[in-house]
Amino acid sequence: MLARRVLNGFLVGLYETAEQMLYEKSYDRALQTLIVASEVRPDSQGVFLELARAYAGHKEKQKAIDSLKRAVANGLTDPTAIENQADFASLSAEPEFKAIVTDLKTKR
């Protein structure tokens, strides 16, 4: 139980640090942090959504889309979390991105 608490605290620290890095548009550093967070919590929709933002900002479209798919597979159901995110503007014309958004809307 103690190890789980420590690991969760570590994850929260990684997530908050990555959020600040994304805000500062420091995508390289955010990617490094979020990759570690995704190893700690491979079942987290939030970590993979933020990882997708970092990849999109880093101009790695396919990795961003793959991370979005992983976020959806982990339980992301809100299409506005993707549609209203400025970091995903570079993905908005991509057919796979459109398909993800459409699928989320039809499941609502």
N, C-alpha and C. Protein backbone atom coordinates (compact mmCIF):
# COMPACT_ATOMS: atom_id res chain seq x y z
N MET A 1 0.82 -1.17 0.00
CA MET A 1 0.00 0.00 0.00
C MET A 1 0.88 1.26 0.00
N LEU A 2 1.94 1.25 0.78
CA LEU A 2 2.84 2.40 0.84
C LEU A 2 3.51 2.62 -0.51
N ALA A 3 3.94 1.56 -1.14
CA ALA A 3 4.58 1.68 -2.46
C ALA A 3 3.61 2.28 -3.48
N ARG A 4 2.36 1.89 -3.43
CA ARG A 4 1.35 2.43 -4.33
C ARG A 4 1.17 3.93 -4.10
N ARG A 5 1.15 4.34 -2.85
CA ARG A 5 1.02 5.77 -2.53
C ARG A 5 2.21 6.57 -3.05
N VAL A 6 3.39 6.02 -2.86
CA VAL A 6 4.61 6.70 -3.33
C VAL A 6 4.58 6.80 -4.85
N LEU A 7 4.21 5.74 -5.51
CA LEU A 7 4.14 5.73 -6.97
C LEU A 7 3.10 6.72 -7.47
N ASN A 8 1.95 6.79 -6.82
CA ASN A 8 0.92 7.75 -7.20
C ASN A 8 1.40 9.19 -6.98
N GLY A 9 2.10 9.42 -5.90
CA GLY A 9 2.66 10.75 -5.65
C GLY A 9 3.68 11.13 -6.71
N PHE A 10 4.49 10.17 -7.11
CA PHE A 10 5.46 10.39 -8.18
C PHE A 10 4.74 10.72 -9.48
N LEU A 11 3.68 10.00 -9.77
CA LEU A 11 2.90 10.23 -10.99
C LEU A 11 2.28 11.64 -10.99
N VAL A 12 1.72 12.04 -9.87
CA VAL A 12 1.13 13.38 -9.77
C VAL A 12 2.21 14.44 -10.02
N GLY A 13 3.38 14.25 -9.47
CA GLY A 13 4.47 15.18 -9.69
C GLY A 13 4.87 15.25 -11.16
N LEU A 14 4.95 14.11 -11.81
CA LEU A 14 5.27 14.08 -13.24
C LEU A 14 4.21 14.80 -14.05
N TYR A 15 2.96 14.51 -13.74
CA TYR A 15 1.84 15.08 -14.48
C TYR A 15 1.81 16.60 -14.33
N GLU A 16 1.97 17.09 -13.12
CA GLU A 16 1.95 18.53 -12.88
C GLU A 16 3.14 19.22 -13.53
N THR A 17 4.29 18.59 -13.48
CA THR A 17 5.48 19.15 -14.13
C THR A 17 5.27 19.22 -15.64
N ALA A 18 4.71 18.16 -16.21
CA ALA A 18 4.46 18.13 -17.65
C ALA A 18 3.44 19.19 -18.05
N GLU A 19 2.42 19.40 -17.24
CA GLU A 19 1.42 20.43 -17.52
C GLU A 19 2.08 21.81 -17.62
N GLN A 20 2.99 22.10 -16.71
CA GLN A 20 3.69 23.37 -16.74
C GLN A 20 4.56 23.48 -17.99
N MET A 21 5.21 22.40 -18.34
CA MET A 21 6.06 22.39 -19.54
C MET A 21 5.23 22.58 -20.81
N LEU A 22 4.06 21.98 -20.85
CA LEU A 22 3.17 22.17 -22.00
C LEU A 22 2.70 23.62 -22.07
N TYR A 23 2.38 24.19 -20.93
CA TYR A 23 1.96 25.59 -20.87
C TYR A 23 3.07 26.50 -21.42
N GLU A 24 4.32 26.15 -21.09
CA GLU A 24 5.47 26.92 -21.54
C GLU A 24 5.90 26.55 -22.96
N LYS A 25 5.22 25.59 -23.55
CA LYS A 25 5.52 25.07 -24.88
C LYS A 25 6.92 24.46 -24.96
N SER A 26 7.34 23.87 -23.87
CA SER A 26 8.61 23.16 -23.80
C SER A 26 8.33 21.69 -24.09
N TYR A 27 8.04 21.41 -25.35
CA TYR A 27 7.53 20.09 -25.74
C TYR A 27 8.55 18.97 -25.54
N ASP A 28 9.84 19.25 -25.76
CA ASP A 28 10.86 18.22 -25.56
C ASP A 28 10.86 17.72 -24.12
N ARG A 29 10.87 18.66 -23.20
CA ARG A 29 10.90 18.30 -21.79
C ARG A 29 9.59 17.64 -21.36
N ALA A 30 8.48 18.14 -21.88
CA ALA A 30 7.19 17.55 -21.55
C ALA A 30 7.13 16.11 -22.04
N LEU A 31 7.65 15.87 -23.24
CA LEU A 31 7.66 14.50 -23.77
C LEU A 31 8.43 13.56 -22.86
N GLN A 32 9.60 13.97 -22.44
CA GLN A 32 10.41 13.12 -21.56
C GLN A 32 9.66 12.78 -20.28
N THR A 33 9.03 13.77 -19.71
CA THR A 33 8.30 13.58 -18.46
C THR A 33 7.09 12.69 -18.66
N LEU A 34 6.34 12.93 -19.73
CA LEU A 34 5.11 12.15 -19.97
C LEU A 34 5.39 10.73 -20.41
N ILE A 35 6.50 10.50 -21.05
CA ILE A 35 6.86 9.12 -21.40
C ILE A 35 7.09 8.32 -20.12
N VAL A 36 7.77 8.93 -19.16
CA VAL A 36 7.96 8.26 -17.86
C VAL A 36 6.60 8.04 -17.19
N ALA A 37 5.74 9.06 -17.22
CA ALA A 37 4.42 8.93 -16.61
C ALA A 37 3.61 7.82 -17.27
N SER A 38 3.75 7.65 -18.58
CA SER A 38 3.01 6.60 -19.28
C SER A 38 3.52 5.21 -18.91
N GLU A 39 4.77 5.13 -18.51
CA GLU A 39 5.31 3.85 -18.03
C GLU A 39 4.77 3.53 -16.63
N VAL A 40 4.60 4.58 -15.83
CA VAL A 40 4.08 4.40 -14.47
C VAL A 40 2.60 4.03 -14.52
N ARG A 41 1.83 4.70 -15.41
CA ARG A 41 0.39 4.46 -15.52
C ARG A 41 -0.01 4.22 -16.98
N PRO A 42 0.25 3.04 -17.49
CA PRO A 42 -0.09 2.75 -18.88
C PRO A 42 -1.59 2.67 -19.14
N ASP A 43 -2.39 2.76 -18.10
CA ASP A 43 -3.85 2.69 -18.24
C ASP A 43 -4.52 4.06 -18.05
N SER A 44 -3.73 5.13 -18.05
CA SER A 44 -4.26 6.46 -17.78
C SER A 44 -4.65 7.18 -19.06
N GLN A 45 -5.91 7.57 -19.14
CA GLN A 45 -6.34 8.36 -20.30
C GLN A 45 -5.72 9.74 -20.28
N GLY A 46 -5.62 10.34 -19.10
CA GLY A 46 -5.09 11.69 -18.97
C GLY A 46 -3.63 11.80 -19.39
N VAL A 47 -2.82 10.85 -18.97
CA VAL A 47 -1.41 10.86 -19.33
C VAL A 47 -1.27 10.77 -20.85
N PHE A 48 -2.04 9.90 -21.48
CA PHE A 48 -1.92 9.75 -22.93
C PHE A 48 -2.51 10.93 -23.69
N LEU A 49 -3.50 11.58 -23.13
CA LEU A 49 -4.02 12.80 -23.75
C LEU A 49 -2.95 13.89 -23.72
N GLU A 50 -2.30 14.05 -22.60
CA GLU A 50 -1.23 15.04 -22.49
C GLU A 50 -0.02 14.67 -23.33
N LEU A 51 0.26 13.37 -23.42
CA LEU A 51 1.35 12.91 -24.28
C LEU A 51 1.05 13.24 -25.74
N ALA A 52 -0.20 13.09 -26.13
CA ALA A 52 -0.61 13.46 -27.49
C ALA A 52 -0.40 14.95 -27.73
N ARG A 53 -0.72 15.77 -26.74
CA ARG A 53 -0.49 17.22 -26.87
C ARG A 53 0.99 17.51 -27.07
N ALA A 54 1.84 16.84 -26.30
CA ALA A 54 3.28 17.07 -26.41
C ALA A 54 3.80 16.63 -27.77
N TYR A 55 3.35 15.48 -28.24
CA TYR A 55 3.77 15.03 -29.57
C TYR A 55 3.28 15.97 -30.66
N ALA A 56 2.05 16.44 -30.53
CA ALA A 56 1.52 17.38 -31.53
C ALA A 56 2.33 18.67 -31.55
N GLY A 57 2.65 19.18 -30.38
CA GLY A 57 3.46 20.38 -30.30
C GLY A 57 4.88 20.18 -30.81
N HIS A 58 5.34 18.96 -30.74
CA HIS A 58 6.68 18.60 -31.20
C HIS A 58 6.66 18.24 -32.69
N LYS A 59 5.51 18.35 -33.32
CA LYS A 59 5.30 18.08 -34.75
C LYS A 59 5.48 16.60 -35.11
N GLU A 60 5.11 15.73 -34.18
CA GLU A 60 5.14 14.29 -34.44
C GLU A 60 3.69 13.81 -34.51
N LYS A 61 3.09 14.04 -35.68
CA LYS A 61 1.66 13.82 -35.85
C LYS A 61 1.25 12.38 -35.59
N GLN A 62 1.96 11.41 -36.15
CA GLN A 62 1.53 10.03 -35.99
C GLN A 62 1.61 9.58 -34.53
N LYS A 63 2.66 9.99 -33.84
CA LYS A 63 2.77 9.64 -32.42
C LYS A 63 1.67 10.32 -31.61
N ALA A 64 1.32 11.54 -32.01
CA ALA A 64 0.22 12.24 -31.32
C ALA A 64 -1.09 11.48 -31.52
N ILE A 65 -1.35 11.06 -32.75
CA ILE A 65 -2.58 10.31 -33.04
C ILE A 65 -2.58 8.97 -32.32
N ASP A 66 -1.44 8.29 -32.30
CA ASP A 66 -1.34 7.02 -31.59
C ASP A 66 -1.62 7.21 -30.09
N SER A 67 -1.12 8.30 -29.53
CA SER A 67 -1.36 8.58 -28.12
C SER A 67 -2.83 8.91 -27.86
N LEU A 68 -3.46 9.61 -28.79
CA LEU A 68 -4.90 9.88 -28.66
C LEU A 68 -5.69 8.57 -28.69
N LYS A 69 -5.32 7.69 -29.58
CA LYS A 69 -5.99 6.38 -29.64
C LYS A 69 -5.82 5.64 -28.32
N ARG A 70 -4.65 5.74 -27.74
CA ARG A 70 -4.40 5.07 -26.46
C ARG A 70 -5.25 5.71 -25.36
N ALA A 71 -5.39 7.05 -25.40
CA ALA A 71 -6.24 7.72 -24.41
C ALA A 71 -7.68 7.26 -24.52
N VAL A 72 -8.15 7.11 -25.75
CA VAL A 72 -9.52 6.62 -25.98
C VAL A 72 -9.64 5.18 -25.50
N ALA A 73 -8.67 4.36 -25.81
CA ALA A 73 -8.69 2.96 -25.37
C ALA A 73 -8.69 2.86 -23.84
N ASN A 74 -8.09 3.87 -23.19
CA ASN A 74 -8.03 3.89 -21.73
C ASN A 74 -9.24 4.58 -21.09
N GLY A 75 -10.21 4.99 -21.92
CA GLY A 75 -11.45 5.49 -21.34
C GLY A 75 -11.84 6.92 -21.68
N LEU A 76 -11.05 7.63 -22.48
CA LEU A 76 -11.43 8.99 -22.86
C LEU A 76 -12.72 8.95 -23.67
N THR A 77 -13.72 9.72 -23.25
CA THR A 77 -15.02 9.72 -23.94
C THR A 77 -15.47 11.10 -24.39
N ASP A 78 -14.78 12.13 -23.98
CA ASP A 78 -15.21 13.51 -24.25
C ASP A 78 -14.53 14.06 -25.50
N PRO A 79 -15.26 14.20 -26.60
CA PRO A 79 -14.63 14.72 -27.83
C PRO A 79 -14.17 16.17 -27.69
N THR A 80 -14.78 16.94 -26.79
CA THR A 80 -14.36 18.33 -26.64
C THR A 80 -12.97 18.45 -26.03
N ALA A 81 -12.54 17.43 -25.31
CA ALA A 81 -11.19 17.42 -24.75
C ALA A 81 -10.15 17.43 -25.85
N ILE A 82 -10.55 16.96 -27.02
CA ILE A 82 -9.65 16.92 -28.17
C ILE A 82 -9.92 18.10 -29.09
N GLU A 83 -11.18 18.32 -29.41
CA GLU A 83 -11.56 19.37 -30.37
C GLU A 83 -11.16 20.77 -29.93
N ASN A 84 -11.28 21.05 -28.66
CA ASN A 84 -11.05 22.40 -28.15
C ASN A 84 -9.61 22.63 -27.69
N GLN A 85 -8.73 21.71 -28.00
CA GLN A 85 -7.35 21.81 -27.57
C GLN A 85 -6.50 22.45 -28.67
N ALA A 86 -5.97 23.63 -28.40
CA ALA A 86 -5.18 24.36 -29.40
C ALA A 86 -3.97 23.57 -29.88
N ASP A 87 -3.39 22.75 -29.01
CA ASP A 87 -2.21 21.98 -29.41
C ASP A 87 -2.52 20.97 -30.51
N PHE A 88 -3.80 20.65 -30.70
CA PHE A 88 -4.16 19.69 -31.73
C PHE A 88 -4.54 20.35 -33.06
N ALA A 89 -4.35 21.65 -33.18
CA ALA A 89 -4.69 22.34 -34.43
C ALA A 89 -3.95 21.75 -35.62
N SER A 90 -2.71 21.33 -35.40
CA SER A 90 -1.92 20.77 -36.50
C SER A 90 -2.44 19.40 -36.94
N LEU A 91 -3.30 18.79 -36.12
CA LEU A 91 -3.83 17.46 -36.45
C LEU A 91 -5.23 17.54 -37.05
N SER A 92 -5.87 18.68 -36.99
CA SER A 92 -7.29 18.78 -37.32
C SER A 92 -7.63 18.35 -38.75
N ALA A 93 -6.70 18.41 -39.66
CA ALA A 93 -6.96 17.99 -41.05
C ALA A 93 -6.63 16.52 -41.29
N GLU A 94 -6.05 15.87 -40.32
CA GLU A 94 -5.65 14.46 -40.48
C GLU A 94 -6.87 13.55 -40.40
N PRO A 95 -7.02 12.64 -41.37
CA PRO A 95 -8.18 11.73 -41.38
C PRO A 95 -8.30 10.90 -40.09
N GLU A 96 -7.18 10.44 -39.55
CA GLU A 96 -7.25 9.63 -38.32
C GLU A 96 -7.73 10.47 -37.14
N PHE A 97 -7.32 11.71 -37.08
CA PHE A 97 -7.77 12.61 -36.02
C PHE A 97 -9.28 12.83 -36.13
N LYS A 98 -9.73 13.13 -37.35
CA LYS A 98 -11.16 13.32 -37.57
C LYS A 98 -11.96 12.08 -37.19
N ALA A 99 -11.42 10.91 -37.51
CA ALA A 99 -12.10 9.66 -37.19
C ALA A 99 -12.22 9.46 -35.68
N ILE A 100 -11.18 9.82 -34.95
CA ILE A 100 -11.23 9.69 -33.49
C ILE A 100 -12.33 10.59 -32.92
N VAL A 101 -12.37 11.84 -33.37
CA VAL A 101 -13.37 12.78 -32.88
C VAL A 101 -14.79 12.31 -33.24
N THR A 102 -14.95 11.87 -34.49
CA THR A 102 -16.27 11.39 -34.95
C THR A 102 -16.71 10.19 -34.12
N ASP A 103 -15.80 9.25 -33.89
CA ASP A 103 -16.14 8.06 -33.09
C ASP A 103 -16.57 8.44 -31.69
N LEU A 104 -15.87 9.39 -31.09
CA LEU A 104 -16.23 9.82 -29.72
C LEU A 104 -17.61 10.48 -29.71
N LYS A 105 -17.89 11.27 -30.75
CA LYS A 105 -19.20 11.94 -30.81
C LYS A 105 -20.34 10.95 -31.00
N THR A 106 -20.13 9.91 -31.77
CA THR A 106 -21.19 8.93 -32.02
C THR A 106 -21.44 8.04 -30.82
N LYS A 107 -20.46 7.91 -29.96
CA LYS A 107 -20.62 7.08 -28.76
C LYS A 107 -21.33 7.81 -27.62
N ARG A 108 -21.52 9.11 -27.76
CA ARG A 108 -22.16 9.90 -26.69
C ARG A 108 -23.63 9.66 -26.65
